[in-house]
Amino acid sequence: MTILILEIRIPNDLDSTHLTRYFLHRTLSELFIYFISFVTLGIFWIGSHFHHNLITQTDRISSWLNIFFLMMICMIPFSAQLLNHYRHEKLSITFYCVDLIIASYCHYLMLIYAWKKNYVKPTLTPEYYKNAKHRILIPIYIYFAIIGVSYFSPYIALYMFMIPFVLHILPESANERVSI
């Protein structure tokens, strides 16, 4: 997650006026992409944390699903850098979304696989499982919508990345809580 901030730089030779202009027009938008990416990685980390605390065993397939999930997570700094440099381009928004979609789908497959193989703790209720699937799937639908919106307004598409944050910050319902 630290790698994300290392890409944001301010030139050393700017006078006060140019520094202010550079900061307002360039650095603030780069910090916005950094914020989006950092919180998104945080959401993935929390989801992975809960997933790994709810399973009782793994096998070769679940390990490979986790490796592919981590591969997509590790690509997020690259996707964020591309988005930072070309934030108003459909390609960069699409690439960033596809990275998040594949990472989310890998997370979804890990959850389904653990459930179907009965590798989960007995305290994991069907209601919790259903809610966990929705917490993973809904952002995927949002990322697909962002891709569509980026063809009409890349500016609005960028702000749509904040929608999954709200969904993950909302308190859990009583049937979603499970002891880990």
C-alpha atoms as a PDB file:
ATOM      1  CA  MET A   1       0.000   0.000   0.000  1.00  0.00           C
ATOM      2  CA  THR A   2       2.951   2.298   0.608  1.00  0.00           C
ATOM      3  CA  ILE A   3       4.035   1.928  -3.018  1.00  0.00           C
ATOM      4  CA  LEU A   4       0.991   3.965  -4.057  1.00  0.00           C
ATOM      5  CA  ILE A   5       2.273   7.212  -2.510  1.00  0.00           C
ATOM      6  CA  LEU A   6       5.803   6.849  -3.889  1.00  0.00           C
ATOM      7  CA  GLU A   7       4.552   7.713  -7.373  1.00  0.00           C
ATOM      8  CA  ILE A   8       3.295  11.153  -6.307  1.00  0.00           C
ATOM      9  CA  ARG A   9       6.031  13.725  -6.755  1.00  0.00           C
ATOM     10  CA  ILE A  10       6.289  17.495  -6.787  1.00  0.00           C
ATOM     11  CA  PRO A  11       9.062  19.148  -8.823  1.00  0.00           C
ATOM     12  CA  ASN A  12      11.753  20.796  -6.712  1.00  0.00           C
ATOM     13  CA  ASP A  13      12.269  23.976  -8.729  1.00  0.00           C
ATOM     14  CA  LEU A  14       8.821  25.599  -8.484  1.00  0.00           C
ATOM     15  CA  ASP A  15       8.331  29.090  -7.128  1.00  0.00           C
ATOM     16  CA  SER A  16       5.442  29.804  -4.769  1.00  0.00           C
ATOM     17  CA  THR A  17       2.907  30.623  -7.483  1.00  0.00           C
ATOM     18  CA  HIS A  18       3.764  27.609  -9.640  1.00  0.00           C
ATOM     19  CA  LEU A  19       3.898  25.328  -6.605  1.00  0.00           C
ATOM     20  CA  THR A  20       0.383  26.345  -5.588  1.00  0.00           C
ATOM     21  CA  ARG A  21      -0.913  25.907  -9.137  1.00  0.00           C
ATOM     22  CA  TYR A  22       0.847  22.526  -9.494  1.00  0.00           C
ATOM     23  CA  PHE A  23      -0.448  21.328  -6.143  1.00  0.00           C
ATOM     24  CA  LEU A  24      -4.057  22.367  -6.833  1.00  0.00           C
ATOM     25  CA  HIS A  25      -4.219  21.133 -10.418  1.00  0.00           C
ATOM     26  CA  ARG A  26      -2.069  18.032 -10.297  1.00  0.00           C
ATOM     27  CA  THR A  27      -1.173  16.838  -6.816  1.00  0.00           C
ATOM     28  CA  LEU A  28      -4.672  17.010  -5.314  1.00  0.00           C
ATOM     29  CA  SER A  29      -6.078  14.819  -8.093  1.00  0.00           C
ATOM     30  CA  GLU A  30      -3.157  12.395  -7.640  1.00  0.00           C
ATOM     31  CA  LEU A  31      -3.879  12.298  -3.909  1.00  0.00           C
ATOM     32  CA  PHE A  32      -7.521  11.521  -4.720  1.00  0.00           C
ATOM     33  CA  ILE A  33      -6.474   8.478  -6.803  1.00  0.00           C
ATOM     34  CA  TYR A  34      -4.111   7.504  -3.964  1.00  0.00           C
ATOM     35  CA  PHE A  35      -7.003   7.755  -1.487  1.00  0.00           C
ATOM     36  CA  ILE A  36      -9.291   5.654  -3.701  1.00  0.00           C
ATOM     37  CA  SER A  37      -6.619   2.994  -4.156  1.00  0.00           C
ATOM     38  CA  PHE A  38      -5.535   2.913  -0.516  1.00  0.00           C
ATOM     39  CA  VAL A  39      -9.096   2.532   0.783  1.00  0.00           C
ATOM     40  CA  THR A  40      -9.873  -0.059  -1.898  1.00  0.00           C
ATOM     41  CA  LEU A  41      -6.823  -2.063  -0.821  1.00  0.00           C
ATOM     42  CA  GLY A  42      -8.022  -1.660   2.761  1.00  0.00           C
ATOM     43  CA  ILE A  43     -11.393  -3.105   1.805  1.00  0.00           C
ATOM     44  CA  PHE A  44      -9.674  -6.072   0.169  1.00  0.00           C
ATOM     45  CA  TRP A  45      -7.443  -6.524   3.223  1.00  0.00           C
ATOM     46  CA  ILE A  46     -10.440  -6.523   5.590  1.00  0.00           C
ATOM     47  CA  GLY A  47     -12.317  -8.967   3.359  1.00  0.00           C
ATOM     48  CA  SER A  48      -9.293 -11.243   3.148  1.00  0.00           C
ATOM     49  CA  HIS A  49      -8.780 -10.998   6.914  1.00  0.00           C
ATOM     50  CA  PHE A  50     -12.350 -12.079   7.605  1.00  0.00           C
ATOM     51  CA  HIS A  51     -12.144 -14.810   4.973  1.00  0.00           C
ATOM     52  CA  HIS A  52      -8.971 -16.304   6.414  1.00  0.00           C
ATOM     53  CA  ASN A  53     -10.360 -16.173   9.938  1.00  0.00           C
ATOM     54  CA  LEU A  54     -13.514 -18.029   8.912  1.00  0.00           C
ATOM     55  CA  ILE A  55     -11.905 -20.984   7.201  1.00  0.00           C
ATOM     56  CA  THR A  56     -10.665 -24.060   9.021  1.00  0.00           C
ATOM     57  CA  GLN A  57      -8.590 -25.655   6.285  1.00  0.00           C
ATOM     58  CA  THR A  58      -7.262 -25.154   2.786  1.00  0.00           C
ATOM     59  CA  ASP A  59      -6.103 -27.256  -0.096  1.00  0.00           C
ATOM     60  CA  ARG A  60      -4.121 -26.740  -3.282  1.00  0.00           C
ATOM     61  CA  ILE A  61      -7.058 -25.159  -5.156  1.00  0.00           C
ATOM     62  CA  SER A  62      -7.864 -22.688  -2.380  1.00  0.00           C
ATOM     63  CA  SER A  63      -4.177 -21.779  -2.205  1.00  0.00           C
ATOM     64  CA  TRP A  64      -4.064 -21.106  -5.947  1.00  0.00           C
ATOM     65  CA  LEU A  65      -7.230 -19.014  -5.755  1.00  0.00           C
ATOM     66  CA  ASN A  66      -5.538 -16.961  -3.041  1.00  0.00           C
ATOM     67  CA  ILE A  67      -2.383 -16.594  -5.164  1.00  0.00           C
ATOM     68  CA  PHE A  68      -4.403 -15.260  -8.119  1.00  0.00           C
ATOM     69  CA  PHE A  69      -6.236 -12.916  -5.730  1.00  0.00           C
ATOM     70  CA  LEU A  70      -2.902 -11.615  -4.409  1.00  0.00           C
ATOM     71  CA  MET A  71      -1.561 -11.250  -7.954  1.00  0.00           C
ATOM     72  CA  MET A  72      -4.419  -8.888  -8.796  1.00  0.00           C
ATOM     73  CA  ILE A  73      -3.966  -7.014  -5.510  1.00  0.00           C
ATOM     74  CA  CYS A  74      -0.267  -6.534  -6.300  1.00  0.00           C
ATOM     75  CA  MET A  75      -1.218  -5.039  -9.671  1.00  0.00           C
ATOM     76  CA  ILE A  76      -3.301  -2.265  -8.072  1.00  0.00           C
ATOM     77  CA  PRO A  77      -0.310   0.115  -7.633  1.00  0.00           C
ATOM     78  CA  PHE A  78       0.381  -0.192 -11.379  1.00  0.00           C
ATOM     79  CA  SER A  79      -3.313   0.304 -12.198  1.00  0.00           C
ATOM     80  CA  ALA A  80      -3.410   3.307  -9.866  1.00  0.00           C
ATOM     81  CA  GLN A  81      -0.311   4.808 -11.504  1.00  0.00           C
ATOM     82  CA  LEU A  82      -1.875   4.391 -14.949  1.00  0.00           C
ATOM     83  CA  LEU A  83      -5.069   6.001 -13.658  1.00  0.00           C
ATOM     84  CA  ASN A  84      -3.075   8.815 -12.072  1.00  0.00           C
ATOM     85  CA  HIS A  85      -1.289   9.669 -15.307  1.00  0.00           C
ATOM     86  CA  TYR A  86      -4.323   9.237 -17.557  1.00  0.00           C
ATOM     87  CA  ARG A  87      -7.265   9.834 -15.234  1.00  0.00           C
ATOM     88  CA  HIS A  88      -9.554  11.132 -17.978  1.00  0.00           C
ATOM     89  CA  GLU A  89      -8.909   8.266 -20.382  1.00  0.00           C
ATOM     90  CA  LYS A  90     -11.377   5.403 -20.763  1.00  0.00           C
ATOM     91  CA  LEU A  91      -8.523   2.906 -21.084  1.00  0.00           C
ATOM     92  CA  SER A  92      -6.966   3.732 -17.708  1.00  0.00           C
ATOM     93  CA  ILE A  93     -10.337   3.727 -15.926  1.00  0.00           C
ATOM     94  CA  THR A  94     -11.267   0.455 -17.614  1.00  0.00           C
ATOM     95  CA  PHE A  95      -7.922  -1.159 -16.774  1.00  0.00           C
ATOM     96  CA  TYR A  96      -8.220  -0.083 -13.124  1.00  0.00           C
ATOM     97  CA  CYS A  97     -11.791  -1.429 -12.961  1.00  0.00           C
ATOM     98  CA  VAL A  98     -10.859  -4.726 -14.609  1.00  0.00           C
ATOM     99  CA  ASP A  99      -8.079  -5.168 -12.051  1.00  0.00           C
ATOM    100  CA  LEU A 100     -10.584  -4.581  -9.224  1.00  0.00           C
ATOM    101  CA  ILE A 101     -13.193  -6.822 -10.873  1.00  0.00           C
ATOM    102  CA  ILE A 102     -10.775  -9.737 -11.236  1.00  0.00           C
ATOM    103  CA  ALA A 103      -9.454  -9.287  -7.685  1.00  0.00           C
ATOM    104  CA  SER A 104     -13.027  -9.199  -6.362  1.00  0.00           C
ATOM    105  CA  TYR A 105     -14.017 -12.218  -8.430  1.00  0.00           C
ATOM    106  CA  CYS A 106     -11.015 -14.182  -7.096  1.00  0.00           C
ATOM    107  CA  HIS A 107     -12.107 -13.244  -3.582  1.00  0.00           C
ATOM    108  CA  TYR A 108     -15.630 -14.376  -4.452  1.00  0.00           C
ATOM    109  CA  LEU A 109     -14.341 -17.708  -5.772  1.00  0.00           C
ATOM    110  CA  MET A 110     -12.304 -18.231  -2.587  1.00  0.00           C
ATOM    111  CA  LEU A 111     -15.444 -17.707  -0.495  1.00  0.00           C
ATOM    112  CA  ILE A 112     -17.601 -20.021  -2.620  1.00  0.00           C
ATOM    113  CA  TYR A 113     -14.926 -22.699  -2.753  1.00  0.00           C
ATOM    114  CA  ALA A 114     -14.417 -22.681   1.032  1.00  0.00           C
ATOM    115  CA  TRP A 115     -18.189 -22.834   1.586  1.00  0.00           C
ATOM    116  CA  LYS A 116     -18.785 -25.673  -0.894  1.00  0.00           C
ATOM    117  CA  LYS A 117     -15.864 -27.717   0.467  1.00  0.00           C
ATOM    118  CA  ASN A 118     -17.101 -27.047   4.007  1.00  0.00           C
ATOM    119  CA  TYR A 119     -13.765 -25.481   4.961  1.00  0.00           C
ATOM    120  CA  VAL A 120     -15.543 -22.824   7.020  1.00  0.00           C
ATOM    121  CA  LYS A 121     -16.086 -22.604  10.750  1.00  0.00           C
ATOM    122  CA  PRO A 122     -19.437 -23.972  11.934  1.00  0.00           C
ATOM    123  CA  THR A 123     -20.350 -20.487  13.193  1.00  0.00           C
ATOM    124  CA  LEU A 124     -20.580 -19.254   9.596  1.00  0.00           C
ATOM    125  CA  THR A 125     -24.328 -19.146   8.953  1.00  0.00           C
ATOM    126  CA  PRO A 126     -25.963 -19.303   5.528  1.00  0.00           C
ATOM    127  CA  GLU A 127     -27.147 -15.705   6.110  1.00  0.00           C
ATOM    128  CA  TYR A 128     -23.587 -14.522   6.732  1.00  0.00           C
ATOM    129  CA  TYR A 129     -22.403 -16.412   3.643  1.00  0.00           C
ATOM    130  CA  LYS A 130     -25.132 -14.766   1.536  1.00  0.00           C
ATOM    131  CA  ASN A 131     -24.274 -11.306   2.876  1.00  0.00           C
ATOM    132  CA  ALA A 132     -20.543 -11.885   2.335  1.00  0.00           C
ATOM    133  CA  LYS A 133     -21.225 -12.817  -1.299  1.00  0.00           C
ATOM    134  CA  HIS A 134     -23.242  -9.613  -1.755  1.00  0.00           C
ATOM    135  CA  ARG A 135     -20.471  -7.494  -0.205  1.00  0.00           C
ATOM    136  CA  ILE A 136     -18.136  -8.884  -2.852  1.00  0.00           C
ATOM    137  CA  LEU A 137     -20.527  -8.888  -5.837  1.00  0.00           C
ATOM    138  CA  ILE A 138     -22.074  -5.426  -5.490  1.00  0.00           C
ATOM    139  CA  PRO A 139     -18.745  -3.598  -5.968  1.00  0.00           C
ATOM    140  CA  ILE A 140     -18.123  -5.740  -9.066  1.00  0.00           C
ATOM    141  CA  TYR A 141     -21.383  -4.422 -10.543  1.00  0.00           C
ATOM    142  CA  ILE A 142     -20.348  -0.891  -9.590  1.00  0.00           C
ATOM    143  CA  TYR A 143     -16.964  -1.311 -11.321  1.00  0.00           C
ATOM    144  CA  PHE A 144     -18.747  -2.457 -14.490  1.00  0.00           C
ATOM    145  CA  ALA A 145     -21.001   0.621 -14.228  1.00  0.00           C
ATOM    146  CA  ILE A 146     -17.921   2.841 -13.802  1.00  0.00           C
ATOM    147  CA  ILE A 147     -16.523   1.455 -17.055  1.00  0.00           C
ATOM    148  CA  GLY A 148     -19.769   2.378 -18.827  1.00  0.00           C
ATOM    149  CA  VAL A 149     -19.923   5.853 -17.284  1.00  0.00           C
ATOM    150  CA  SER A 150     -16.273   6.503 -18.224  1.00  0.00           C
ATOM    151  CA  TYR A 151     -17.320   6.555 -21.893  1.00  0.00           C
ATOM    152  CA  PHE A 152     -19.591   9.537 -21.175  1.00  0.00           C
ATOM    153  CA  SER A 153     -17.877  11.272 -18.261  1.00  0.00           C
ATOM    154  CA  PRO A 154     -14.511  10.115 -16.913  1.00  0.00           C
ATOM    155  CA  TYR A 155     -14.846  12.793 -14.231  1.00  0.00           C
ATOM    156  CA  ILE A 156     -18.047  11.265 -12.815  1.00  0.00           C
ATOM    157  CA  ALA A 157     -16.594   7.766 -13.222  1.00  0.00           C
ATOM    158  CA  LEU A 158     -13.687   8.656 -10.930  1.00  0.00           C
ATOM    159  CA  TYR A 159     -16.030   9.793  -8.172  1.00  0.00           C
ATOM    160  CA  MET A 160     -18.085   6.623  -8.521  1.00  0.00           C
ATOM    161  CA  PHE A 161     -15.134   4.712  -7.015  1.00  0.00           C
ATOM    162  CA  MET A 162     -16.294   6.122  -3.680  1.00  0.00           C
ATOM    163  CA  ILE A 163     -19.568   4.127  -3.784  1.00  0.00           C
ATOM    164  CA  PRO A 164     -18.022   0.806  -2.660  1.00  0.00           C
ATOM    165  CA  PHE A 165     -16.475   2.628   0.327  1.00  0.00           C
ATOM    166  CA  VAL A 166     -19.916   3.559   1.587  1.00  0.00           C
ATOM    167  CA  LEU A 167     -21.121  -0.026   1.220  1.00  0.00           C
ATOM    168  CA  HIS A 168     -18.204  -1.334   3.260  1.00  0.00           C
ATOM    169  CA  ILE A 169     -18.385   1.354   5.929  1.00  0.00           C
ATOM    170  CA  LEU A 170     -22.077   0.737   6.622  1.00  0.00           C
ATOM    171  CA  PRO A 171     -22.582  -1.208   9.840  1.00  0.00           C
ATOM    172  CA  GLU A 172     -23.172  -4.896   9.568  1.00  0.00           C
ATOM    173  CA  SER A 173     -26.642  -6.226  10.232  1.00  0.00           C
ATOM    174  CA  ALA A 174     -27.102  -8.587  13.150  1.00  0.00           C
ATOM    175  CA  ASN A 175     -27.253 -11.663  10.918  1.00  0.00           C
ATOM    176  CA  GLU A 176     -23.961 -10.693   9.281  1.00  0.00           C
ATOM    177  CA  ARG A 177     -21.920 -10.754  12.480  1.00  0.00           C
ATOM    178  CA  VAL A 178     -20.068 -13.911  13.232  1.00  0.00           C
ATOM    179  CA  SER A 179     -17.395 -14.612  15.813  1.00  0.00           C
ATOM    180  CA  ILE A 180     -13.947 -15.205  14.401  1.00  0.00           C
END
